[in-house]
Structure formats: C-alpha cells, structure tokens
All heavy atoms as atom14 arrays in JSON, in Angstrom:
{
  "sequence": "RELVIFEAWKARSAREAADIERRFLDRGMAGSHGGWNE",
  "atom14_mask": [
    [1, 1, 1, 1, 1, 1, 1, 1, 1, 1, 1, 0, 0, 0],
    [1, 1, 1, 1, 1, 1, 1, 1, 1, 0, 0, 0, 0, 0],
    [1, 1, 1, 1, 1, 1, 1, 1, 0, 0, 0, 0, 0, 0],
    [1, 1, 1, 1, 1, 1, 1, 0, 0, 0, 0, 0, 0, 0],
    [1, 1, 1, 1, 1, 1, 1, 1, 0, 0, 0, 0, 0, 0],
    [1, 1, 1, 1, 1, 1, 1, 1, 1, 1, 1, 0, 0, 0],
    [1, 1, 1, 1, 1, 1, 1, 1, 1, 0, 0, 0, 0, 0],
    [1, 1, 1, 1, 1, 0, 0, 0, 0, 0, 0, 0, 0, 0],
    [1, 1, 1, 1, 1, 1, 1, 1, 1, 1, 1, 1, 1, 1],
    [1, 1, 1, 1, 1, 1, 1, 1, 1, 0, 0, 0, 0, 0],
    [1, 1, 1, 1, 1, 0, 0, 0, 0, 0, 0, 0, 0, 0],
    [1, 1, 1, 1, 1, 1, 1, 1, 1, 1, 1, 0, 0, 0],
    [1, 1, 1, 1, 1, 1, 0, 0, 0, 0, 0, 0, 0, 0],
    [1, 1, 1, 1, 1, 0, 0, 0, 0, 0, 0, 0, 0, 0],
    [1, 1, 1, 1, 1, 1, 1, 1, 1, 1, 1, 0, 0, 0],
    [1, 1, 1, 1, 1, 1, 1, 1, 1, 0, 0, 0, 0, 0],
    [1, 1, 1, 1, 1, 0, 0, 0, 0, 0, 0, 0, 0, 0],
    [1, 1, 1, 1, 1, 0, 0, 0, 0, 0, 0, 0, 0, 0],
    [1, 1, 1, 1, 1, 1, 1, 1, 0, 0, 0, 0, 0, 0],
    [1, 1, 1, 1, 1, 1, 1, 1, 0, 0, 0, 0, 0, 0],
    [1, 1, 1, 1, 1, 1, 1, 1, 1, 0, 0, 0, 0, 0],
    [1, 1, 1, 1, 1, 1, 1, 1, 1, 1, 1, 0, 0, 0],
    [1, 1, 1, 1, 1, 1, 1, 1, 1, 1, 1, 0, 0, 0],
    [1, 1, 1, 1, 1, 1, 1, 1, 1, 1, 1, 0, 0, 0],
    [1, 1, 1, 1, 1, 1, 1, 1, 0, 0, 0, 0, 0, 0],
    [1, 1, 1, 1, 1, 1, 1, 1, 0, 0, 0, 0, 0, 0],
    [1, 1, 1, 1, 1, 1, 1, 1, 1, 1, 1, 0, 0, 0],
    [1, 1, 1, 1, 0, 0, 0, 0, 0, 0, 0, 0, 0, 0],
    [1, 1, 1, 1, 1, 1, 1, 1, 0, 0, 0, 0, 0, 0],
    [1, 1, 1, 1, 1, 0, 0, 0, 0, 0, 0, 0, 0, 0],
    [1, 1, 1, 1, 0, 0, 0, 0, 0, 0, 0, 0, 0, 0],
    [1, 1, 1, 1, 1, 1, 0, 0, 0, 0, 0, 0, 0, 0],
    [1, 1, 1, 1, 1, 1, 1, 1, 1, 1, 0, 0, 0, 0],
    [1, 1, 1, 1, 0, 0, 0, 0, 0, 0, 0, 0, 0, 0],
    [1, 1, 1, 1, 0, 0, 0, 0, 0, 0, 0, 0, 0, 0],
    [1, 1, 1, 1, 1, 1, 1, 1, 1, 1, 1, 1, 1, 1],
    [1, 1, 1, 1, 1, 1, 1, 1, 0, 0, 0, 0, 0, 0],
    [1, 1, 1, 1, 1, 1, 1, 1, 1, 0, 0, 0, 0, 0]
  ],
  "atom14_positions": [
    [[-14.69, -3.27, -13.15], [-14.13, -4.54, -13.73], [-13.51, -5.34, -12.58], [-13.14, -4.8, -11.55], [-13.07, -4.2, -14.77], [-11.88, -3.41, -14.24], [-10.92, -3.12, -15.41], [-9.97, -2.07, -15.05], [-8.86, -2.29, -14.35], [-8.51, -3.49, -13.96], [-8.02, -1.27, -14.08], [0.0, 0.0, 0.0], [0.0, 0.0, 0.0], [0.0, 0.0, 0.0]],
    [[-13.42, -6.61, -12.85], [-12.75, -7.56, -11.87], [-11.27, -7.25, -11.85], [-10.64, -7.08, -12.94], [-13.02, -8.97, -12.22], [-12.54, -9.96, -11.2], [-12.8, -11.39, -11.6], [-13.47, -11.64, -12.66], [-12.33, -12.28, -10.94], [0.0, 0.0, 0.0], [0.0, 0.0, 0.0], [0.0, 0.0, 0.0], [0.0, 0.0, 0.0], [0.0, 0.0, 0.0]],
    [[-10.68, -7.27, -10.68], [-9.28, -7.09, -10.58], [-8.57, -8.42, -10.56], [-8.47, -9.12, -9.57], [-8.87, -6.36, -9.34], [-9.55, -4.98, -9.17], [-9.18, -4.36, -7.84], [-9.14, -4.02, -10.28], [0.0, 0.0, 0.0], [0.0, 0.0, 0.0], [0.0, 0.0, 0.0], [0.0, 0.0, 0.0], [0.0, 0.0, 0.0], [0.0, 0.0, 0.0]],
    [[-8.08, -8.87, -11.73], [-7.37, -10.18, -11.79], [-5.92, -10.11, -11.48], [-5.36, -11.09, -10.95], [-7.6, -10.84, -13.15], [-8.71, -11.77, -13.26], [-7.67, -9.79, -14.29], [0.0, 0.0, 0.0], [0.0, 0.0, 0.0], [0.0, 0.0, 0.0], [0.0, 0.0, 0.0], [0.0, 0.0, 0.0], [0.0, 0.0, 0.0], [0.0, 0.0, 0.0]],
    [[-5.33, -9.01, -11.74], [-3.89, -8.8, -11.4], [-3.86, -8.02, -10.11], [-3.75, -6.8, -10.03], [-3.17, -8.1, -12.54], [-3.33, -8.9, -13.82], [-1.68, -7.97, -12.2], [-2.68, -8.29, -15.02], [0.0, 0.0, 0.0], [0.0, 0.0, 0.0], [0.0, 0.0, 0.0], [0.0, 0.0, 0.0], [0.0, 0.0, 0.0], [0.0, 0.0, 0.0]],
    [[-3.95, -8.73, -8.98], [-4.08, -8.21, -7.64], [-3.33, -9.11, -6.67], [-3.42, -10.3, -6.76], [-5.56, -8.16, -7.22], [-5.81, -7.57, -5.86], [-6.28, -6.24, -5.8], [-5.62, -8.26, -4.71], [-6.54, -5.66, -4.53], [-5.86, -7.69, -3.47], [-6.33, -6.43, -3.39], [0.0, 0.0, 0.0], [0.0, 0.0, 0.0], [0.0, 0.0, 0.0]],
    [[-2.52, -8.51, -5.75], [-1.79, -9.27, -4.78], [-1.68, -8.45, -3.5], [-1.64, -7.23, -3.55], [-0.4, -9.67, -5.32], [0.37, -10.64, -4.52], [-0.35, -12.01, -4.41], [-0.54, -12.63, -5.46], [-0.72, -12.39, -3.25], [0.0, 0.0, 0.0], [0.0, 0.0, 0.0], [0.0, 0.0, 0.0], [0.0, 0.0, 0.0], [0.0, 0.0, 0.0]],
    [[-1.53, -9.16, -2.38], [-1.36, -8.5, -1.09], [-0.31, -9.22, -0.23], [-0.13, -10.4, -0.42], [-2.69, -8.43, -0.38], [0.0, 0.0, 0.0], [0.0, 0.0, 0.0], [0.0, 0.0, 0.0], [0.0, 0.0, 0.0], [0.0, 0.0, 0.0], [0.0, 0.0, 0.0], [0.0, 0.0, 0.0], [0.0, 0.0, 0.0], [0.0, 0.0, 0.0]],
    [[0.32, -8.47, 0.58], [1.38, -8.98, 1.48], [1.1, -8.47, 2.87], [0.78, -7.29, 3.06], [2.76, -8.64, 1.03], [3.07, -9.11, -0.39], [3.64, -10.25, -0.76], [2.75, -8.46, -1.62], [3.76, -10.37, -2.12], [3.17, -9.23, -2.66], [2.12, -7.23, -1.92], [3.04, -8.92, -4.03], [1.93, -6.89, -3.25], [2.42, -7.71, -4.27]],
    [[1.4, -9.24, 3.89], [1.21, -8.82, 5.3], [2.52, -8.29, 5.85], [3.53, -8.96, 5.95], [0.73, -9.98, 6.13], [0.36, -9.56, 7.56], [-0.2, -10.74, 8.32], [-0.63, -10.22, 9.74], [-1.19, -11.32, 10.51], [0.0, 0.0, 0.0], [0.0, 0.0, 0.0], [0.0, 0.0, 0.0], [0.0, 0.0, 0.0], [0.0, 0.0, 0.0]],
    [[2.51, -7.07, 6.33], [3.61, -6.39, 6.98], [3.56, -6.7, 8.45], [2.52, -7.14, 8.96], [3.57, -4.9, 6.72], [0.0, 0.0, 0.0], [0.0, 0.0, 0.0], [0.0, 0.0, 0.0], [0.0, 0.0, 0.0], [0.0, 0.0, 0.0], [0.0, 0.0, 0.0], [0.0, 0.0, 0.0], [0.0, 0.0, 0.0], [0.0, 0.0, 0.0]],
    [[4.57, -6.31, 9.16], [4.63, -6.53, 10.6], [3.74, -5.61, 11.35], [3.27, -5.92, 12.43], [6.06, -6.4, 11.1], [6.77, -7.72, 11.29], [8.1, -7.48, 11.92], [8.92, -6.78, 10.91], [10.12, -6.91, 10.72], [10.8, -7.77, 11.46], [10.8, -6.28, 9.78], [0.0, 0.0, 0.0], [0.0, 0.0, 0.0], [0.0, 0.0, 0.0]],
    [[3.58, -4.42, 10.78], [2.78, -3.39, 11.54], [2.15, -2.41, 10.46], [2.55, -2.44, 9.27], [3.68, -2.58, 12.48], [4.62, -1.8, 11.68], [0.0, 0.0, 0.0], [0.0, 0.0, 0.0], [0.0, 0.0, 0.0], [0.0, 0.0, 0.0], [0.0, 0.0, 0.0], [0.0, 0.0, 0.0], [0.0, 0.0, 0.0], [0.0, 0.0, 0.0]],
    [[1.25, -1.61, 10.97], [0.62, -0.61, 10.09], [1.65, 0.38, 9.62], [1.65, 0.86, 8.5], [-0.58, 0.03, 10.82], [0.0, 0.0, 0.0], [0.0, 0.0, 0.0], [0.0, 0.0, 0.0], [0.0, 0.0, 0.0], [0.0, 0.0, 0.0], [0.0, 0.0, 0.0], [0.0, 0.0, 0.0], [0.0, 0.0, 0.0], [0.0, 0.0, 0.0]],
    [[2.56, 0.8, 10.53], [3.6, 1.72, 10.17], [4.53, 1.14, 9.07], [4.79, 1.88, 8.09], [4.46, 2.03, 11.41], [5.7, 2.93, 11.15], [5.45, 4.25, 10.53], [4.49, 5.05, 11.29], [3.76, 6.05, 10.75], [3.94, 6.36, 9.45], [2.93, 6.76, 11.43], [0.0, 0.0, 0.0], [0.0, 0.0, 0.0], [0.0, 0.0, 0.0]],
    [[4.86, -0.12, 9.17], [5.68, -0.76, 8.1], [4.96, -0.79, 6.76], [5.52, -0.46, 5.78], [6.09, -2.1, 8.54], [7.02, -2.83, 7.57], [7.48, -4.19, 8.04], [6.75, -5.18, 7.84], [8.57, -4.18, 8.65], [0.0, 0.0, 0.0], [0.0, 0.0, 0.0], [0.0, 0.0, 0.0], [0.0, 0.0, 0.0], [0.0, 0.0, 0.0]],
    [[3.64, -1.12, 6.86], [2.86, -1.2, 5.64], [2.76, 0.24, 4.98], [2.88, 0.38, 3.75], [1.44, -1.74, 5.89], [0.0, 0.0, 0.0], [0.0, 0.0, 0.0], [0.0, 0.0, 0.0], [0.0, 0.0, 0.0], [0.0, 0.0, 0.0], [0.0, 0.0, 0.0], [0.0, 0.0, 0.0], [0.0, 0.0, 0.0], [0.0, 0.0, 0.0]],
    [[2.58, 1.21, 5.82], [2.47, 2.57, 5.31], [3.83, 3.07, 4.72], [3.84, 3.77, 3.73], [2.06, 3.55, 6.42], [0.0, 0.0, 0.0], [0.0, 0.0, 0.0], [0.0, 0.0, 0.0], [0.0, 0.0, 0.0], [0.0, 0.0, 0.0], [0.0, 0.0, 0.0], [0.0, 0.0, 0.0], [0.0, 0.0, 0.0], [0.0, 0.0, 0.0]],
    [[4.93, 2.68, 5.31], [6.24, 3.01, 4.75], [6.47, 2.34, 3.33], [6.95, 2.98, 2.4], [7.37, 2.51, 5.65], [7.47, 3.32, 6.92], [6.86, 4.4, 6.97], [8.16, 2.86, 7.86], [0.0, 0.0, 0.0], [0.0, 0.0, 0.0], [0.0, 0.0, 0.0], [0.0, 0.0, 0.0], [0.0, 0.0, 0.0], [0.0, 0.0, 0.0]],
    [[6.01, 1.08, 3.22], [6.07, 0.42, 1.93], [5.22, 1.13, 0.89], [5.6, 1.37, -0.24], [5.73, -1.06, 2.07], [6.78, -1.77, 2.93], [5.62, -1.76, 0.69], [6.35, -3.15, 3.44], [0.0, 0.0, 0.0], [0.0, 0.0, 0.0], [0.0, 0.0, 0.0], [0.0, 0.0, 0.0], [0.0, 0.0, 0.0], [0.0, 0.0, 0.0]],
    [[4.0, 1.47, 1.33], [3.09, 2.11, 0.42], [3.72, 3.47, -0.06], [3.69, 3.78, -1.26], [1.75, 2.42, 1.15], [0.73, 3.2, 0.32], [-0.46, 3.7, 1.11], [-0.25, 4.11, 2.3], [-1.56, 3.63, 0.61], [0.0, 0.0, 0.0], [0.0, 0.0, 0.0], [0.0, 0.0, 0.0], [0.0, 0.0, 0.0], [0.0, 0.0, 0.0]],
    [[4.24, 4.25, 0.82], [4.85, 5.57, 0.5], [5.98, 5.39, -0.49], [6.11, 6.11, -1.42], [5.36, 6.21, 1.81], [6.23, 7.47, 1.58], [5.66, 8.53, 0.72], [4.41, 9.06, 1.26], [3.5, 9.7, 0.51], [3.71, 9.94, -0.76], [2.39, 10.18, 1.03], [0.0, 0.0, 0.0], [0.0, 0.0, 0.0], [0.0, 0.0, 0.0]],
    [[6.81, 4.27, -0.31], [7.87, 4.06, -1.25], [7.37, 3.89, -2.69], [7.94, 4.45, -3.62], [8.62, 2.75, -0.81], [9.74, 2.4, -1.74], [10.35, 1.09, -1.32], [11.42, 0.72, -2.15], [12.72, 0.86, -1.88], [13.03, 1.48, -0.75], [13.64, 0.52, -2.72], [0.0, 0.0, 0.0], [0.0, 0.0, 0.0], [0.0, 0.0, 0.0]],
    [[6.29, 3.14, -2.84], [5.77, 2.89, -4.22], [4.94, 4.1, -4.71], [4.97, 4.34, -5.92], [5.0, 1.6, -4.26], [5.92, 0.37, -4.21], [6.07, -0.28, -3.05], [6.64, 0.08, -5.34], [6.96, -1.4, -2.94], [7.56, -0.97, -5.29], [7.7, -1.76, -4.13], [0.0, 0.0, 0.0], [0.0, 0.0, 0.0], [0.0, 0.0, 0.0]],
    [[4.34, 4.84, -3.85], [3.68, 6.09, -4.29], [4.72, 7.08, -4.8], [4.52, 7.7, -5.83], [2.87, 6.74, -3.08], [1.63, 6.0, -2.68], [1.13, 6.61, -1.4], [0.6, 6.08, -3.74], [0.0, 0.0, 0.0], [0.0, 0.0, 0.0], [0.0, 0.0, 0.0], [0.0, 0.0, 0.0], [0.0, 0.0, 0.0], [0.0, 0.0, 0.0]],
    [[5.85, 7.09, -4.13], [6.94, 7.99, -4.55], [7.56, 7.55, -5.88], [8.13, 8.38, -6.63], [8.09, 8.06, -3.49], [7.66, 8.77, -2.22], [6.61, 9.47, -2.22], [8.43, 8.61, -1.17], [0.0, 0.0, 0.0], [0.0, 0.0, 0.0], [0.0, 0.0, 0.0], [0.0, 0.0, 0.0], [0.0, 0.0, 0.0], [0.0, 0.0, 0.0]],
    [[7.4, 6.29, -6.25], [7.91, 5.79, -7.52], [6.87, 5.95, -8.61], [7.13, 5.57, -9.76], [8.34, 4.31, -7.36], [9.56, 4.19, -6.45], [10.01, 2.8, -6.33], [10.82, 2.45, -7.49], [11.24, 1.24, -7.69], [11.02, 0.28, -6.85], [11.93, 0.96, -8.78], [0.0, 0.0, 0.0], [0.0, 0.0, 0.0], [0.0, 0.0, 0.0]],
    [[5.71, 6.47, -8.28], [4.72, 6.79, -9.34], [3.49, 5.98, -9.34], [2.6, 6.16, -10.22], [0.0, 0.0, 0.0], [0.0, 0.0, 0.0], [0.0, 0.0, 0.0], [0.0, 0.0, 0.0], [0.0, 0.0, 0.0], [0.0, 0.0, 0.0], [0.0, 0.0, 0.0], [0.0, 0.0, 0.0], [0.0, 0.0, 0.0], [0.0, 0.0, 0.0]],
    [[3.31, 5.02, -8.42], [2.04, 4.25, -8.33], [0.89, 5.14, -7.95], [1.13, 6.09, -7.17], [2.19, 3.05, -7.38], [2.91, 1.87, -7.92], [2.73, 0.47, -6.78], [3.7, -0.73, -7.65], [0.0, 0.0, 0.0], [0.0, 0.0, 0.0], [0.0, 0.0, 0.0], [0.0, 0.0, 0.0], [0.0, 0.0, 0.0], [0.0, 0.0, 0.0]],
    [[-0.28, 4.83, -8.41], [-1.47, 5.56, -7.97], [-1.81, 5.08, -6.57], [-1.42, 3.98, -6.17], [-2.64, 5.24, -8.94], [0.0, 0.0, 0.0], [0.0, 0.0, 0.0], [0.0, 0.0, 0.0], [0.0, 0.0, 0.0], [0.0, 0.0, 0.0], [0.0, 0.0, 0.0], [0.0, 0.0, 0.0], [0.0, 0.0, 0.0], [0.0, 0.0, 0.0]],
    [[-2.56, 5.89, -5.9], [-3.03, 5.59, -4.52], [-3.02, 6.84, -3.71], [-2.65, 7.93, -4.23], [0.0, 0.0, 0.0], [0.0, 0.0, 0.0], [0.0, 0.0, 0.0], [0.0, 0.0, 0.0], [0.0, 0.0, 0.0], [0.0, 0.0, 0.0], [0.0, 0.0, 0.0], [0.0, 0.0, 0.0], [0.0, 0.0, 0.0], [0.0, 0.0, 0.0]],
    [[-3.39, 6.72, -2.45], [-3.33, 7.91, -1.6], [-2.85, 7.49, -0.24], [-3.29, 6.49, 0.36], [-4.79, 8.48, -1.48], [-5.61, 7.54, -0.92], [0.0, 0.0, 0.0], [0.0, 0.0, 0.0], [0.0, 0.0, 0.0], [0.0, 0.0, 0.0], [0.0, 0.0, 0.0], [0.0, 0.0, 0.0], [0.0, 0.0, 0.0], [0.0, 0.0, 0.0]],
    [[-1.82, 8.19, 0.16], [-1.25, 7.89, 1.48], [-2.12, 8.34, 2.59], [-2.66, 9.41, 2.54], [0.16, 8.56, 1.57], [0.95, 8.14, 2.76], [1.37, 6.83, 2.86], [1.28, 8.74, 3.92], [2.07, 6.75, 4.07], [1.97, 7.89, 4.65], [0.0, 0.0, 0.0], [0.0, 0.0, 0.0], [0.0, 0.0, 0.0], [0.0, 0.0, 0.0]],
    [[-2.38, 7.49, 3.5], [-3.25, 7.78, 4.62], [-4.51, 6.98, 4.58], [-4.71, 6.14, 3.71], [0.0, 0.0, 0.0], [0.0, 0.0, 0.0], [0.0, 0.0, 0.0], [0.0, 0.0, 0.0], [0.0, 0.0, 0.0], [0.0, 0.0, 0.0], [0.0, 0.0, 0.0], [0.0, 0.0, 0.0], [0.0, 0.0, 0.0], [0.0, 0.0, 0.0]],
    [[-5.44, 7.23, 5.56], [-6.67, 6.52, 5.63], [-6.57, 5.13, 6.21], [-7.5, 4.33, 6.19], [0.0, 0.0, 0.0], [0.0, 0.0, 0.0], [0.0, 0.0, 0.0], [0.0, 0.0, 0.0], [0.0, 0.0, 0.0], [0.0, 0.0, 0.0], [0.0, 0.0, 0.0], [0.0, 0.0, 0.0], [0.0, 0.0, 0.0], [0.0, 0.0, 0.0]],
    [[-5.42, 4.83, 6.8], [-5.27, 3.52, 7.43], [-5.36, 3.61, 8.94], [-5.29, 4.66, 9.47], [-3.87, 2.89, 7.0], [-2.7, 3.8, 7.2], [-2.24, 4.73, 6.34], [-1.87, 3.95, 8.36], [-1.12, 5.35, 6.84], [-0.89, 4.85, 8.11], [-1.88, 3.25, 9.57], [0.07, 5.21, 9.04], [-0.9, 3.58, 10.52], [0.08, 4.59, 10.24]],
    [[-5.52, 2.49, 9.59], [-5.52, 2.48, 11.04], [-4.55, 1.47, 11.57], [-3.85, 0.84, 10.76], [-6.92, 2.2, 11.53], [-7.53, 0.89, 11.07], [-6.88, -0.12, 11.11], [-8.76, 0.9, 10.64], [0.0, 0.0, 0.0], [0.0, 0.0, 0.0], [0.0, 0.0, 0.0], [0.0, 0.0, 0.0], [0.0, 0.0, 0.0], [0.0, 0.0, 0.0]],
    [[-4.57, 1.19, 12.88], [-3.57, 0.29, 13.47], [-3.68, -1.13, 13.0], [-2.69, -1.9, 13.1], [-3.73, 0.33, 15.01], [-3.26, 1.65, 15.62], [-3.43, 1.65, 17.11], [-3.49, 0.52, 17.73], [-3.48, 2.72, 17.7], [0.0, 0.0, 0.0], [0.0, 0.0, 0.0], [0.0, 0.0, 0.0], [0.0, 0.0, 0.0], [0.0, 0.0, 0.0]]
  ]
}
C-alpha cells in the first residue's frame, strides 16, 4: 500500500539519527536498529 502518512527529518549525523531512532524504538515503534551507514 502507498504510505500517505510518512515524514522524514534530516539529522546532523548518522549517529544522531540512530540515537533518535533508538529513542522511538524504545518507546514501542516498529523498526530495527542498525543497517545504517555514515
């Protein structure tokens, strides 16, 4: 299905983006930590 409710934000670095991702994974969002690069 098309993802109509989708948004993205640019972090300063991959580490910062990964930290934000981890925060929301810890709060119960689906996803998998890892698989990112620089």
